[in-house]
N, C-alpha and C. Protein backbone atom coordinates (compact mmCIF):
# COMPACT_ATOMS: atom_id res chain seq x y z
N MET A 1 139.24 118.30 58.70
CA MET A 1 138.18 117.42 58.22
C MET A 1 136.94 117.64 59.07
N ASP A 2 135.79 117.76 58.44
CA ASP A 2 134.54 117.93 59.15
C ASP A 2 134.02 116.57 59.56
N ALA A 3 133.96 116.35 60.87
CA ALA A 3 133.53 115.05 61.38
C ALA A 3 132.03 114.84 61.22
N GLY A 4 131.27 115.92 61.05
CA GLY A 4 129.84 115.78 60.87
C GLY A 4 129.14 115.15 62.06
N CYS A 5 129.67 115.40 63.24
CA CYS A 5 129.06 114.83 64.43
C CYS A 5 128.95 115.91 65.49
N ARG A 6 128.15 115.62 66.48
CA ARG A 6 127.99 116.51 67.63
C ARG A 6 128.62 115.82 68.82
N VAL A 7 129.50 116.52 69.54
CA VAL A 7 130.11 115.97 70.75
C VAL A 7 129.41 116.60 71.95
N ARG A 8 128.99 115.73 72.87
CA ARG A 8 128.28 116.19 74.06
C ARG A 8 128.62 115.27 75.24
N GLU A 9 128.24 115.70 76.43
CA GLU A 9 128.44 114.85 77.61
C GLU A 9 127.59 113.59 77.48
N ALA A 10 128.17 112.48 77.90
CA ALA A 10 127.44 111.22 77.90
C ALA A 10 126.33 111.28 78.95
N ARG A 11 125.24 110.58 78.64
CA ARG A 11 124.09 110.47 79.54
C ARG A 11 123.87 109.00 79.88
N PRO A 12 123.12 108.73 80.94
CA PRO A 12 122.84 107.32 81.27
C PRO A 12 122.26 106.54 80.08
N ALA A 13 121.44 107.18 79.27
CA ALA A 13 120.84 106.49 78.12
C ALA A 13 121.86 106.10 77.06
N ASP A 14 123.06 106.67 77.10
CA ASP A 14 124.11 106.35 76.12
C ASP A 14 124.92 105.11 76.50
N LEU A 15 124.81 104.66 77.74
CA LEU A 15 125.70 103.60 78.22
C LEU A 15 125.56 102.30 77.43
N GLY A 16 124.38 101.97 76.97
CA GLY A 16 124.21 100.76 76.17
C GLY A 16 124.98 100.83 74.86
N ALA A 17 124.85 101.96 74.16
CA ALA A 17 125.56 102.13 72.89
C ALA A 17 127.07 102.16 73.11
N VAL A 18 127.51 102.81 74.19
CA VAL A 18 128.94 102.85 74.50
C VAL A 18 129.46 101.44 74.76
N ALA A 19 128.70 100.65 75.53
CA ALA A 19 129.13 99.28 75.84
C ALA A 19 129.18 98.42 74.58
N VAL A 20 128.27 98.62 73.66
CA VAL A 20 128.30 97.87 72.39
C VAL A 20 129.56 98.23 71.61
N LEU A 21 129.87 99.52 71.49
CA LEU A 21 131.09 99.93 70.79
C LEU A 21 132.31 99.33 71.48
N GLU A 22 132.34 99.37 72.79
CA GLU A 22 133.46 98.84 73.56
C GLU A 22 133.68 97.36 73.26
N ARG A 23 132.58 96.58 73.27
CA ARG A 23 132.69 95.13 73.00
C ARG A 23 133.13 94.86 71.56
N THR A 24 132.69 95.71 70.65
CA THR A 24 133.02 95.54 69.23
C THR A 24 134.49 95.85 68.95
N LEU A 25 135.05 96.82 69.67
CA LEU A 25 136.37 97.34 69.34
C LEU A 25 137.52 96.79 70.18
N PHE A 26 137.24 96.30 71.38
CA PHE A 26 138.31 95.92 72.29
C PHE A 26 138.22 94.47 72.71
N SER A 27 139.38 93.82 72.84
CA SER A 27 139.40 92.40 73.21
C SER A 27 139.16 92.18 74.71
N ASP A 28 139.33 93.21 75.51
CA ASP A 28 139.10 93.12 76.96
C ASP A 28 138.23 94.32 77.37
N PRO A 29 136.96 94.31 76.94
CA PRO A 29 136.13 95.50 77.07
C PRO A 29 135.65 95.79 78.50
N TRP A 30 135.40 97.07 78.74
CA TRP A 30 134.72 97.49 79.96
C TRP A 30 133.24 97.13 79.81
N SER A 31 132.58 96.90 80.93
CA SER A 31 131.14 96.63 80.91
C SER A 31 130.36 97.94 81.00
N ARG A 32 129.10 97.86 80.69
CA ARG A 32 128.22 99.03 80.84
C ARG A 32 128.29 99.56 82.27
N THR A 33 128.29 98.65 83.21
CA THR A 33 128.34 99.02 84.64
C THR A 33 129.63 99.77 84.97
N ALA A 34 130.73 99.40 84.34
CA ALA A 34 132.01 100.05 84.62
C ALA A 34 132.03 101.50 84.13
N PHE A 35 131.26 101.80 83.10
CA PHE A 35 131.22 103.16 82.57
C PHE A 35 130.35 104.09 83.42
N ALA A 36 129.30 103.57 84.04
CA ALA A 36 128.30 104.40 84.72
C ALA A 36 128.88 105.39 85.73
N PRO A 37 129.82 105.00 86.59
CA PRO A 37 130.32 105.97 87.58
C PRO A 37 131.11 107.13 86.97
N HIS A 38 131.45 107.04 85.69
CA HIS A 38 132.27 108.07 85.06
C HIS A 38 131.45 109.16 84.36
N LEU A 39 130.13 109.05 84.38
CA LEU A 39 129.32 110.08 83.74
C LEU A 39 129.68 111.45 84.33
N GLY A 40 129.88 112.42 83.46
CA GLY A 40 130.27 113.76 83.90
C GLY A 40 131.03 114.47 82.81
N ALA A 41 131.71 115.55 83.19
CA ALA A 41 132.35 116.45 82.24
C ALA A 41 133.42 115.81 81.38
N PHE A 42 134.02 114.71 81.83
CA PHE A 42 135.12 114.09 81.07
C PHE A 42 134.69 112.81 80.36
N PHE A 43 133.39 112.58 80.25
CA PHE A 43 132.86 111.43 79.52
C PHE A 43 131.97 112.00 78.42
N LEU A 44 132.49 111.95 77.19
CA LEU A 44 131.82 112.57 76.06
C LEU A 44 131.48 111.53 75.00
N VAL A 45 130.40 111.78 74.28
CA VAL A 45 130.05 110.93 73.15
C VAL A 45 129.98 111.79 71.89
N ALA A 46 130.25 111.15 70.76
CA ALA A 46 130.04 111.76 69.45
C ALA A 46 128.76 111.16 68.91
N GLU A 47 127.90 112.02 68.44
CA GLU A 47 126.59 111.60 67.97
C GLU A 47 126.41 112.03 66.52
N ARG A 48 125.93 111.11 65.71
CA ARG A 48 125.60 111.43 64.32
C ARG A 48 124.25 110.78 64.04
N ASP A 49 123.35 111.56 63.48
CA ASP A 49 122.00 111.06 63.19
C ASP A 49 121.38 110.40 64.41
N GLU A 50 121.57 111.02 65.57
CA GLU A 50 121.01 110.58 66.85
C GLU A 50 121.53 109.22 67.31
N SER A 51 122.66 108.78 66.75
CA SER A 51 123.31 107.54 67.18
C SER A 51 124.70 107.85 67.72
N VAL A 52 125.07 107.14 68.77
CA VAL A 52 126.42 107.29 69.32
C VAL A 52 127.38 106.56 68.39
N VAL A 53 128.37 107.31 67.86
CA VAL A 53 129.34 106.73 66.93
C VAL A 53 130.76 106.73 67.51
N GLY A 54 130.90 107.26 68.73
CA GLY A 54 132.19 107.26 69.39
C GLY A 54 132.07 107.83 70.79
N TYR A 55 133.11 107.64 71.56
CA TYR A 55 133.13 108.19 72.91
C TYR A 55 134.57 108.37 73.37
N VAL A 56 134.73 109.23 74.35
CA VAL A 56 136.02 109.42 75.01
C VAL A 56 135.74 109.56 76.50
N LEU A 57 136.61 108.98 77.28
CA LEU A 57 136.48 109.03 78.73
C LEU A 57 137.82 109.46 79.29
N GLY A 58 137.82 110.53 80.06
CA GLY A 58 139.04 111.04 80.67
C GLY A 58 138.88 111.20 82.16
N ALA A 59 139.97 111.58 82.79
CA ALA A 59 139.98 111.84 84.23
C ALA A 59 141.04 112.89 84.51
N SER A 60 140.93 113.53 85.67
CA SER A 60 141.96 114.50 86.05
C SER A 60 142.22 114.43 87.54
N ALA A 61 143.45 114.76 87.89
CA ALA A 61 143.87 114.91 89.27
C ALA A 61 144.92 116.01 89.28
N LEU A 62 144.60 117.11 89.95
CA LEU A 62 145.47 118.28 89.98
C LEU A 62 145.77 118.72 88.55
N ASP A 63 147.05 118.77 88.16
CA ASP A 63 147.38 119.27 86.82
C ASP A 63 147.65 118.14 85.82
N GLU A 64 147.28 116.91 86.16
CA GLU A 64 147.46 115.79 85.24
C GLU A 64 146.11 115.20 84.84
N GLY A 65 146.04 114.81 83.59
CA GLY A 65 144.85 114.17 83.08
C GLY A 65 145.19 112.82 82.47
N GLU A 66 144.16 112.05 82.20
CA GLU A 66 144.34 110.74 81.59
C GLU A 66 143.21 110.47 80.62
N VAL A 67 143.54 109.91 79.48
CA VAL A 67 142.55 109.40 78.56
C VAL A 67 142.38 107.93 78.93
N LEU A 68 141.21 107.60 79.45
CA LEU A 68 140.94 106.22 79.87
C LEU A 68 140.49 105.36 78.69
N ASN A 69 139.69 105.94 77.81
CA ASN A 69 139.18 105.25 76.63
C ASN A 69 138.84 106.27 75.56
N LEU A 70 139.14 105.92 74.33
CA LEU A 70 138.69 106.70 73.18
C LEU A 70 138.38 105.68 72.09
N ALA A 71 137.16 105.73 71.58
CA ALA A 71 136.76 104.74 70.58
C ALA A 71 135.79 105.34 69.58
N VAL A 72 135.91 104.88 68.34
CA VAL A 72 135.03 105.31 67.26
C VAL A 72 134.58 104.06 66.51
N ASP A 73 133.30 104.01 66.21
CA ASP A 73 132.73 102.91 65.43
C ASP A 73 133.61 102.65 64.21
N ARG A 74 133.95 101.38 63.97
CA ARG A 74 134.83 101.03 62.86
C ARG A 74 134.36 101.61 61.52
N ALA A 75 133.07 101.61 61.29
CA ALA A 75 132.53 102.13 60.03
C ALA A 75 132.70 103.64 59.90
N ARG A 76 133.01 104.31 61.01
CA ARG A 76 133.13 105.77 61.02
C ARG A 76 134.56 106.25 61.27
N GLN A 77 135.51 105.34 61.37
CA GLN A 77 136.88 105.74 61.62
C GLN A 77 137.44 106.48 60.41
N ARG A 78 138.40 107.34 60.68
CA ARG A 78 139.06 108.17 59.66
C ARG A 78 138.14 109.24 59.07
N GLU A 79 137.12 109.62 59.86
CA GLU A 79 136.22 110.70 59.44
C GLU A 79 136.38 111.93 60.33
N GLY A 80 137.35 111.92 61.23
CA GLY A 80 137.57 113.07 62.10
C GLY A 80 136.85 113.00 63.43
N ILE A 81 136.12 111.94 63.68
CA ILE A 81 135.35 111.83 64.92
C ILE A 81 136.28 111.70 66.12
N GLY A 82 137.32 110.88 66.00
CA GLY A 82 138.28 110.75 67.10
C GLY A 82 138.93 112.07 67.44
N THR A 83 139.28 112.84 66.41
CA THR A 83 139.87 114.16 66.63
C THR A 83 138.87 115.08 67.32
N SER A 84 137.61 115.06 66.90
CA SER A 84 136.59 115.89 67.55
C SER A 84 136.45 115.52 69.02
N LEU A 85 136.46 114.23 69.32
CA LEU A 85 136.36 113.79 70.71
C LEU A 85 137.57 114.24 71.52
N TRP A 86 138.78 114.02 70.97
CA TRP A 86 139.99 114.42 71.68
C TRP A 86 140.01 115.94 71.90
N ASP A 87 139.66 116.71 70.88
CA ASP A 87 139.66 118.16 71.01
C ASP A 87 138.71 118.62 72.13
N ALA A 88 137.53 118.02 72.19
CA ALA A 88 136.56 118.39 73.21
C ALA A 88 137.05 118.00 74.61
N LEU A 89 137.62 116.81 74.73
CA LEU A 89 138.15 116.39 76.03
C LEU A 89 139.32 117.27 76.44
N ARG A 90 140.22 117.54 75.50
CA ARG A 90 141.38 118.38 75.79
C ARG A 90 140.94 119.76 76.30
N SER A 91 139.93 120.34 75.69
CA SER A 91 139.43 121.65 76.12
C SER A 91 138.90 121.59 77.54
N ARG A 92 138.19 120.53 77.86
CA ARG A 92 137.64 120.39 79.21
C ARG A 92 138.74 120.15 80.23
N LEU A 93 139.71 119.34 79.86
CA LEU A 93 140.83 119.10 80.78
C LEU A 93 141.62 120.38 81.02
N ARG A 94 141.88 121.11 79.95
CA ARG A 94 142.60 122.39 80.08
C ARG A 94 141.84 123.33 81.00
N ALA A 95 140.53 123.43 80.83
CA ALA A 95 139.71 124.31 81.68
C ALA A 95 139.77 123.89 83.14
N ALA A 96 140.03 122.60 83.39
CA ALA A 96 140.14 122.09 84.76
C ALA A 96 141.56 122.26 85.32
N GLY A 97 142.45 122.86 84.54
CA GLY A 97 143.80 123.12 85.02
C GLY A 97 144.82 122.04 84.70
N VAL A 98 144.44 121.10 83.85
CA VAL A 98 145.35 120.02 83.46
C VAL A 98 146.42 120.59 82.52
N ARG A 99 147.67 120.20 82.75
CA ARG A 99 148.79 120.66 81.94
C ARG A 99 149.40 119.53 81.10
N GLN A 100 149.22 118.29 81.55
CA GLN A 100 149.74 117.15 80.78
C GLN A 100 148.75 115.99 80.89
N VAL A 101 148.65 115.24 79.80
CA VAL A 101 147.69 114.14 79.70
C VAL A 101 148.44 112.87 79.35
N PHE A 102 148.08 111.78 80.02
CA PHE A 102 148.69 110.48 79.79
C PHE A 102 147.64 109.50 79.28
N LEU A 103 148.11 108.44 78.67
CA LEU A 103 147.25 107.33 78.27
C LEU A 103 148.10 106.09 78.08
N GLU A 104 147.44 104.94 78.09
CA GLU A 104 148.09 103.68 77.74
C GLU A 104 147.43 103.14 76.48
N VAL A 105 148.24 102.54 75.62
CA VAL A 105 147.74 101.95 74.39
C VAL A 105 148.50 100.65 74.14
N ARG A 106 147.80 99.67 73.60
CA ARG A 106 148.48 98.41 73.27
C ARG A 106 149.66 98.66 72.35
N GLU A 107 150.76 98.00 72.62
CA GLU A 107 151.95 98.15 71.80
C GLU A 107 151.65 97.85 70.33
N SER A 108 150.81 96.86 70.07
CA SER A 108 150.51 96.45 68.70
C SER A 108 149.49 97.34 68.00
N ASN A 109 148.86 98.25 68.72
CA ASN A 109 147.82 99.09 68.12
C ASN A 109 148.46 100.29 67.42
N LEU A 110 149.07 100.01 66.28
CA LEU A 110 149.82 101.03 65.55
C LEU A 110 148.94 102.16 65.05
N GLU A 111 147.71 101.85 64.67
CA GLU A 111 146.80 102.88 64.19
C GLU A 111 146.48 103.88 65.31
N ALA A 112 146.18 103.39 66.50
CA ALA A 112 145.89 104.29 67.63
C ALA A 112 147.14 105.08 68.01
N ARG A 113 148.28 104.41 68.03
CA ARG A 113 149.52 105.11 68.38
C ARG A 113 149.81 106.23 67.38
N ALA A 114 149.55 105.99 66.11
CA ALA A 114 149.76 107.02 65.09
C ALA A 114 148.76 108.17 65.28
N PHE A 115 147.52 107.84 65.61
CA PHE A 115 146.52 108.88 65.89
C PHE A 115 147.00 109.78 67.02
N TYR A 116 147.42 109.18 68.12
CA TYR A 116 147.87 109.98 69.26
C TYR A 116 149.12 110.78 68.92
N ALA A 117 150.03 110.20 68.16
CA ALA A 117 151.24 110.93 67.77
C ALA A 117 150.88 112.16 66.93
N ARG A 118 149.87 112.04 66.06
CA ARG A 118 149.42 113.19 65.28
C ARG A 118 148.88 114.30 66.18
N HIS A 119 148.44 113.92 67.38
CA HIS A 119 147.90 114.89 68.33
C HIS A 119 148.90 115.22 69.43
N ARG A 120 150.19 115.06 69.09
CA ARG A 120 151.32 115.47 69.91
C ARG A 120 151.55 114.66 71.17
N PHE A 121 151.06 113.44 71.19
CA PHE A 121 151.43 112.53 72.27
C PHE A 121 152.77 111.90 71.91
N GLN A 122 153.59 111.68 72.93
CA GLN A 122 154.89 111.04 72.74
C GLN A 122 154.99 109.83 73.66
N ASP A 123 155.68 108.79 73.19
CA ASP A 123 155.94 107.62 74.02
C ASP A 123 156.83 108.04 75.19
N VAL A 124 156.47 107.61 76.41
CA VAL A 124 157.32 107.93 77.56
C VAL A 124 157.82 106.68 78.30
N ARG A 125 157.11 105.58 78.21
CA ARG A 125 157.58 104.33 78.83
C ARG A 125 156.65 103.18 78.43
N ARG A 126 157.02 102.00 78.89
CA ARG A 126 156.21 100.79 78.65
C ARG A 126 155.75 100.23 80.00
N ARG A 127 154.61 99.57 79.97
CA ARG A 127 154.13 98.83 81.12
C ARG A 127 154.03 97.37 80.69
N PRO A 128 155.00 96.56 81.13
CA PRO A 128 155.01 95.15 80.71
C PRO A 128 153.74 94.40 81.13
N ARG A 129 153.21 93.63 80.19
CA ARG A 129 152.09 92.73 80.44
C ARG A 129 150.88 93.45 81.04
N TYR A 130 150.67 94.68 80.65
CA TYR A 130 149.59 95.51 81.18
C TYR A 130 148.22 95.00 80.73
N TYR A 131 148.14 94.58 79.50
CA TYR A 131 146.86 94.12 78.94
C TYR A 131 146.74 92.61 79.01
N SER A 132 145.49 92.16 79.07
CA SER A 132 145.22 90.73 78.97
C SER A 132 144.31 90.51 77.76
N ARG A 133 144.13 89.27 77.38
CA ARG A 133 143.26 88.89 76.26
C ARG A 133 143.59 89.59 74.96
N PRO A 134 144.73 89.48 74.39
CA PRO A 134 145.91 88.74 74.84
C PRO A 134 146.82 89.61 75.71
N THR A 135 147.71 88.93 76.39
CA THR A 135 148.69 89.63 77.22
C THR A 135 149.62 90.43 76.32
N GLU A 136 149.80 91.68 76.69
CA GLU A 136 150.62 92.56 75.86
C GLU A 136 151.07 93.77 76.67
N ASP A 137 152.23 94.31 76.29
CA ASP A 137 152.72 95.53 76.93
C ASP A 137 151.86 96.72 76.51
N ALA A 138 151.81 97.71 77.40
CA ALA A 138 151.20 99.00 77.09
C ALA A 138 152.31 100.00 76.82
N VAL A 139 152.07 100.88 75.88
CA VAL A 139 152.94 102.03 75.67
C VAL A 139 152.24 103.20 76.37
N VAL A 140 152.95 103.83 77.30
CA VAL A 140 152.42 105.02 77.97
C VAL A 140 152.82 106.22 77.12
N MET A 141 151.84 107.05 76.81
CA MET A 141 152.07 108.24 76.00
C MET A 141 151.66 109.47 76.80
N LYS A 142 152.30 110.59 76.48
CA LYS A 142 152.05 111.84 77.20
C LYS A 142 151.93 112.99 76.21
N CYS A 143 151.01 113.90 76.52
CA CYS A 143 150.82 115.12 75.74
C CYS A 143 150.79 116.30 76.70
N CYS A 144 151.60 117.30 76.41
CA CYS A 144 151.56 118.53 77.21
C CYS A 144 150.51 119.45 76.60
N ILE A 145 149.69 120.02 77.46
CA ILE A 145 148.65 120.95 77.02
C ILE A 145 149.15 122.35 77.28
N ASP A 146 149.27 123.11 76.22
CA ASP A 146 149.69 124.50 76.31
C ASP A 146 148.44 125.37 76.37
N ALA A 147 148.26 126.06 77.47
CA ALA A 147 147.05 126.85 77.68
C ALA A 147 146.87 127.95 76.64
N THR A 148 147.92 128.32 75.94
CA THR A 148 147.80 129.39 74.95
C THR A 148 147.73 128.88 73.53
N ASN A 149 147.73 127.55 73.36
CA ASN A 149 147.80 126.99 72.01
C ASN A 149 146.80 125.86 71.88
N ASP A 150 145.75 126.04 71.07
CA ASP A 150 144.74 125.00 70.90
C ASP A 150 145.24 123.82 70.09
N ASP A 151 146.41 123.92 69.49
CA ASP A 151 146.95 122.80 68.72
C ASP A 151 147.76 121.85 69.58
N ALA A 152 147.76 122.04 70.89
CA ALA A 152 148.57 121.19 71.79
C ALA A 152 148.15 119.75 71.72
């Protein structure tokens, strides 16, 4: 599916739009200030018509990576933007030597869990009462990145 968006590194000017999406989509959102220290190679935005319509934030340590946040404007979901963001982050993590990527997702967020499963993430454990507002378990998911296979 053609997402019709451009994925690029986030800039300081994007933080307001990212924070708005975060507040719109999540019950316990990060603040604009919380995003600022993460600007860099693993903080990407999807842009369409010069507007931020999604973002992904990752991190790496040695050969492990983490998806800290991935979000797409509700009006733009199911258009391939999330996949474009994940693909771009995965490529950057792979280039940094990451071999496996982890994330946490609300147990009740079946749509997100299905998205990650389509991208070869598997459930590996639960973190009881990880989330607040409302309190809920997190499902920890893991994806192995195969350096020779872009479909990882």
